Amino acid sequence: MTEIWWGVLAVAVGCYALKLLGLSVPERVLEHPLTVRAAAFIPVGLLAALVAVQGFSTGSEVVVDARVVGLGVAAVLLWRKVPFLPMLIAAAAATALVRLVAG
């Protein structure tokens, strides 16, 4: 086996062990208010990280370009409680307009 396959095997065993560890956590720990509150913030953190990576990076560089304008438009419309599809269209249009004007 090559080194890559040993790595794949190690990651697979690690993922299985982590899953098994999660299943063996006692019910009283999972129902604790602090655990419930912390688990509610995990999707928010992951979504924020995804937005930051997709909105402010190109490869391994941090950039500020037309995507930031679209993100700003989407944030304002989200704050104003605009439905998702019109918000998406407005953010895409703002990004396209900035790219058109910028050249």
C-alpha atoms as a PDB file:
ATOM      1  CA  MET A   1       0.000   0.000   0.000  1.00  0.00           C
ATOM      2  CA  THR A   2       1.166   3.492  -0.737  1.00  0.00           C
ATOM      3  CA  GLU A   3       1.332   6.301   1.796  1.00  0.00           C
ATOM      4  CA  ILE A   4      -1.883   7.816   0.437  1.00  0.00           C
ATOM      5  CA  TRP A   5      -3.879   4.663   1.134  1.00  0.00           C
ATOM      6  CA  TRP A   6      -2.471   4.442   4.652  1.00  0.00           C
ATOM      7  CA  GLY A   7      -3.650   8.023   5.149  1.00  0.00           C
ATOM      8  CA  VAL A   8      -7.114   7.231   3.779  1.00  0.00           C
ATOM      9  CA  LEU A   9      -7.334   4.192   6.041  1.00  0.00           C
ATOM     10  CA  ALA A  10      -6.230   6.212   9.084  1.00  0.00           C
ATOM     11  CA  VAL A  11      -8.818   8.919   8.389  1.00  0.00           C
ATOM     12  CA  ALA A  12     -11.569   6.316   7.914  1.00  0.00           C
ATOM     13  CA  VAL A  13     -10.710   4.637  11.214  1.00  0.00           C
ATOM     14  CA  GLY A  14     -10.547   8.039  12.924  1.00  0.00           C
ATOM     15  CA  CYS A  15     -13.965   9.049  11.574  1.00  0.00           C
ATOM     16  CA  TYR A  16     -15.488   5.765  12.711  1.00  0.00           C
ATOM     17  CA  ALA A  17     -13.934   6.140  16.166  1.00  0.00           C
ATOM     18  CA  LEU A  18     -15.245   9.711  16.446  1.00  0.00           C
ATOM     19  CA  LYS A  19     -18.731   8.565  15.456  1.00  0.00           C
ATOM     20  CA  LEU A  20     -18.572   5.743  17.985  1.00  0.00           C
ATOM     21  CA  LEU A  21     -17.404   8.173  20.665  1.00  0.00           C
ATOM     22  CA  GLY A  22     -20.354  10.466  19.905  1.00  0.00           C
ATOM     23  CA  LEU A  23     -22.803   7.591  20.208  1.00  0.00           C
ATOM     24  CA  SER A  24     -21.393   6.590  23.591  1.00  0.00           C
ATOM     25  CA  VAL A  25     -21.966   9.995  25.227  1.00  0.00           C
ATOM     26  CA  PRO A  26     -24.503   9.666  28.069  1.00  0.00           C
ATOM     27  CA  GLU A  27     -27.961  11.149  27.532  1.00  0.00           C
ATOM     28  CA  ARG A  28     -27.646  13.470  30.554  1.00  0.00           C
ATOM     29  CA  VAL A  29     -24.631  15.168  28.940  1.00  0.00           C
ATOM     30  CA  LEU A  30     -26.497  15.714  25.666  1.00  0.00           C
ATOM     31  CA  GLU A  31     -29.511  17.212  27.440  1.00  0.00           C
ATOM     32  CA  HIS A  32     -27.457  19.621  29.564  1.00  0.00           C
ATOM     33  CA  PRO A  33     -28.506  23.252  28.810  1.00  0.00           C
ATOM     34  CA  LEU A  34     -24.929  24.350  28.062  1.00  0.00           C
ATOM     35  CA  THR A  35     -24.497  21.524  25.547  1.00  0.00           C
ATOM     36  CA  VAL A  36     -27.785  22.332  23.846  1.00  0.00           C
ATOM     37  CA  ARG A  37     -26.913  26.041  23.672  1.00  0.00           C
ATOM     38  CA  ALA A  38     -23.406  25.347  22.304  1.00  0.00           C
ATOM     39  CA  ALA A  39     -24.754  22.909  19.702  1.00  0.00           C
ATOM     40  CA  ALA A  40     -27.190  25.580  18.480  1.00  0.00           C
ATOM     41  CA  PHE A  41     -24.260  27.853  17.581  1.00  0.00           C
ATOM     42  CA  ILE A  42     -22.327  25.284  15.524  1.00  0.00           C
ATOM     43  CA  PRO A  43     -24.319  25.770  12.260  1.00  0.00           C
ATOM     44  CA  VAL A  44     -24.027  29.554  12.621  1.00  0.00           C
ATOM     45  CA  GLY A  45     -20.257  29.329  13.002  1.00  0.00           C
ATOM     46  CA  LEU A  46     -19.892  26.954  10.072  1.00  0.00           C
ATOM     47  CA  LEU A  47     -22.035  29.152   7.835  1.00  0.00           C
ATOM     48  CA  ALA A  48     -20.064  32.261   8.839  1.00  0.00           C
ATOM     49  CA  ALA A  49     -16.801  30.471   8.050  1.00  0.00           C
ATOM     50  CA  LEU A  50     -18.138  29.375   4.663  1.00  0.00           C
ATOM     51  CA  VAL A  51     -19.264  32.913   3.819  1.00  0.00           C
ATOM     52  CA  ALA A  52     -15.884  34.328   4.875  1.00  0.00           C
ATOM     53  CA  VAL A  53     -13.911  31.831   2.801  1.00  0.00           C
ATOM     54  CA  GLN A  54     -16.102  32.147  -0.284  1.00  0.00           C
ATOM     55  CA  GLY A  55     -16.563  35.907  -0.041  1.00  0.00           C
ATOM     56  CA  PHE A  56     -13.099  37.122   0.834  1.00  0.00           C
ATOM     57  CA  SER A  57     -10.600  34.692  -0.674  1.00  0.00           C
ATOM     58  CA  THR A  58      -9.264  33.530  -3.990  1.00  0.00           C
ATOM     59  CA  GLY A  59      -7.116  30.461  -3.591  1.00  0.00           C
ATOM     60  CA  SER A  60      -4.823  31.279  -0.708  1.00  0.00           C
ATOM     61  CA  GLU A  61      -5.150  35.073  -0.930  1.00  0.00           C
ATOM     62  CA  VAL A  62      -7.549  37.369   0.899  1.00  0.00           C
ATOM     63  CA  VAL A  63      -9.218  39.735  -1.581  1.00  0.00           C
ATOM     64  CA  VAL A  64     -11.835  42.453  -1.500  1.00  0.00           C
ATOM     65  CA  ASP A  65     -13.678  42.599  -4.810  1.00  0.00           C
ATOM     66  CA  ALA A  66     -17.214  42.742  -6.230  1.00  0.00           C
ATOM     67  CA  ARG A  67     -18.326  39.784  -4.128  1.00  0.00           C
ATOM     68  CA  VAL A  68     -18.117  41.977  -1.035  1.00  0.00           C
ATOM     69  CA  VAL A  69     -20.696  44.351  -2.543  1.00  0.00           C
ATOM     70  CA  GLY A  70     -23.048  41.423  -3.206  1.00  0.00           C
ATOM     71  CA  LEU A  71     -22.494  40.176   0.319  1.00  0.00           C
ATOM     72  CA  GLY A  72     -23.289  43.633   1.686  1.00  0.00           C
ATOM     73  CA  VAL A  73     -26.478  43.872  -0.357  1.00  0.00           C
ATOM     74  CA  ALA A  74     -27.527  40.419   0.838  1.00  0.00           C
ATOM     75  CA  ALA A  75     -26.789  41.356   4.464  1.00  0.00           C
ATOM     76  CA  VAL A  76     -28.888  44.524   4.255  1.00  0.00           C
ATOM     77  CA  LEU A  77     -31.778  42.707   2.590  1.00  0.00           C
ATOM     78  CA  LEU A  78     -31.554  39.896   5.130  1.00  0.00           C
ATOM     79  CA  TRP A  79     -31.724  42.477   7.896  1.00  0.00           C
ATOM     80  CA  ARG A  80     -34.809  43.962   6.191  1.00  0.00           C
ATOM     81  CA  LYS A  81     -36.327  40.429   6.110  1.00  0.00           C
ATOM     82  CA  VAL A  82     -36.581  40.241   2.318  1.00  0.00           C
ATOM     83  CA  PRO A  83     -37.392  36.706   1.029  1.00  0.00           C
ATOM     84  CA  PHE A  84     -34.478  34.574  -0.129  1.00  0.00           C
ATOM     85  CA  LEU A  85     -35.003  34.553  -3.914  1.00  0.00           C
ATOM     86  CA  PRO A  86     -35.318  38.356  -4.361  1.00  0.00           C
ATOM     87  CA  MET A  87     -32.359  38.798  -2.019  1.00  0.00           C
ATOM     88  CA  LEU A  88     -30.302  36.360  -4.091  1.00  0.00           C
ATOM     89  CA  ILE A  89     -31.226  38.097  -7.342  1.00  0.00           C
ATOM     90  CA  ALA A  90     -30.439  41.565  -5.950  1.00  0.00           C
ATOM     91  CA  ALA A  91     -27.075  40.439  -4.541  1.00  0.00           C
ATOM     92  CA  ALA A  92     -26.122  38.768  -7.829  1.00  0.00           C
ATOM     93  CA  ALA A  93     -27.186  41.838  -9.790  1.00  0.00           C
ATOM     94  CA  ALA A  94     -25.161  44.144  -7.532  1.00  0.00           C
ATOM     95  CA  THR A  95     -22.099  41.922  -7.906  1.00  0.00           C
ATOM     96  CA  ALA A  96     -22.502  41.777 -11.680  1.00  0.00           C
ATOM     97  CA  LEU A  97     -22.976  45.545 -11.897  1.00  0.00           C
ATOM     98  CA  VAL A  98     -19.805  46.214  -9.920  1.00  0.00           C
ATOM     99  CA  ARG A  99     -17.864  43.771 -12.092  1.00  0.00           C
ATOM    100  CA  LEU A 100     -19.236  45.426 -15.220  1.00  0.00           C
ATOM    101  CA  VAL A 101     -18.314  48.918 -14.042  1.00  0.00           C
ATOM    102  CA  ALA A 102     -14.891  47.872 -12.737  1.00  0.00           C
ATOM    103  CA  GLY A 103     -13.979  46.417 -16.086  1.00  0.00           C
END
